[in-house]
Amino acid sequence: MKRGGGILVAILFSLLWSMCLLPQCARRVALSGGARDTVAPYIVRTIPPSGTTDFNGKRVRITFNEYVTLKDVQKEVYFSPPFRWPYATTLQGRTLVFEIADTLQPDVTYRLNLGNAVRDLTENNPFRDARYHFATGSHLDSAFFVGRVRDALLHTPVRGVKIMLYTEDADSVVAHKQPNYVSVSDSTGLFVFDNLPLRSFKLFALDDANSNYLYDQPKERVAFSDSLVHSYHLKPDAVSQALVLNLFSYSRKPLALLAATRLEPDQLRLIFSESPVDTLTLTNLQGEPLESIRESSTGGDTILYWLKDARMVLQDTLVLRLRHKATVADSFAWRTDTLRLAYNFAAQGDREEQNIRRFLADSLLRITSVWAAAGIPFSDSLRIRVAAPVKDIDPARFLFLQDTVQLPITVLAVPNSMREFLLTASLRPRKRYTVRLLPGAVSDIWGRTNDTTNLEVTTLNPSQFSVLHLALKGLPAHALVQVLTADGKSTVVRTVAVPVGATKLTIPYLPPNSYTLRIVDDRNANGQWDTGNYWERKQPEAVRYYKNNKLQAVLALRANWEYDIDIDYQNLEE
């Protein structure tokens, strides 16, 4: 028996050796792991079972069919209602364990949301959140509430926003108390509450920067419902008719004086972090108002003063008192600052008032144009800016030239502006013009005047641009039409305020490109879109985007083309 067994082993060894001598044995072939695993993990057992009532335990165990890993637990996993104290989350083999440290509320249905946190070990396939809930009372709540959250201006869906329901209606509850129920928006902006009691709630949305369920960061984006919402038993059209929340950020800078400088002997500049609230006063130390002219910047955060008191102008150092409102502990309070503003004069022998005035008048008045160097539409007026408040204008000293030919021109004041004026003339496309101001054309409050000044201007070629002709219907009383780039960045190319009651609007000189149109309900008529303010119960200004009857939003404009667009505001998507 032993001998026969040895012969058999020798024969098998010889066969294997012969096979390895064949060419095929030299080939290296990659091992195949089979088809890629595309099946996500799924739950096979829960303790307690989903739907348990009268639960008063401290542990929840969820077992999956395979080994899993966790990702973004802090963002993806949450209980509703949320716990006051953190719970521990551990993986024990294929089982996810939650250790509850908080005292459970009586007679409440809890919902566990896993989001996309649970994934398999090999292919990272995410487990899609299944319904898991338990009740501390004798029954399970079964009402729903469904909605969507989007960016208030862009109307794009926002993922990961906490949607919170409160049984208390006070506005301050969002800053000092955790919500009674919470949900989180998905990639489409959709949020769903289930297992709710049938009742009314205060609804608030928070892009929670510090994950504490409290609106306590100034830059956190929020959205809110103007009125209470009511849960309901789920209807077939609940998602299509879901409430839409418009997410916005209201972050007001603290109001403060940033800088006070003396630019010229007669010119003071005050720069604030924001436009000063109410009025501000600038006086001498005795409280007497300054003899001056005041001008505010467009945004209101920069204030310029031109002094008219000649004796004050030539003082080396001015000591003034500024009274204004500033931010103190998140509210406004009056503040008084003492300003020391110095100017380094050249040596002056005689500082009598007549010599001071002569000194100021020795300098020339600077005049500049306010138009694009690339050219202007031939339908525009010409705006000119002066370095100091204007006292006198002599239209006879304004010349408007095409080559050497003088053309008629009209000089007009700009309302509410002390340093600008307009020139109107019959302009033609693709032409070069010269605006010539002769000496004495403009004088300021000190009698300073200009030297001969030449300002060049070129009118654009309209055939290189596109024109939009808009037929308007049902627009708000104060509406803005904004032309945006269609490149995903939505850059504002043009903003046009629609005259009250207008039914037609033309927007010329648009460079050939692809655009979208946005209509802004400019409630405060300030010429820009304004965000909301939760504490003042102000929603952001409403916007709507144009789409044609084929639901196409992009306008592909070509050079030397004119386009007729019908905009019925009531038919635009809200």
Foldseek 3Di string as FASTA:
>chain_A
DVVVVVVVVVVVVVVVVVVCPDPVVPDDDDDDPDDDDQDWKDWDDKVVAFAAELDFDFKIKTFIPAFKAFDPQLQFKAKAVGFPDDWDWDDDGRMIMTGHPGGDDAFAKMWITRDQGIGHDPPRHGDHTDTGIYTSHDGWAFWKAKAFEAAQPPRAGDWRKKKAWAPDDDLCCQAPHAGNTIWTAHNRRMTMDTRDHFFKTWIKIWPDPPSPSHPDDQFIKMWGDLDIDTTGHDDPCNHVPHYYTHIDGHHDDWWDWDDWAAPALFKIKTFIPAAFPDDKAKAAPVRHGFQWDWDADLRNRMIMTGGDPLLSSPDQKGWMKMWTWTDDPNDIDIDIDIDIYGDDDDDDDDSDSVVSLVVVQVDAKDKDWDDDPVAAAQPDWTKMFIPAFWDDADVVQKFKDFPNDTFDKDWAQDPPDRTMITIDGRGDAFGKMKIWGDWPRIAHSSRHTHHIDIDIHHHHDQQQWEKEKEFEADAAQWKKKFKFAPPVPRHTPDIDIDHGPDGIDMDGGHHFHKIWIKMWNPPVNSRDWDQADSVVSGHTTHMFTDAPPVRHGIDGDGGNYYYYYYDYPVPTDD
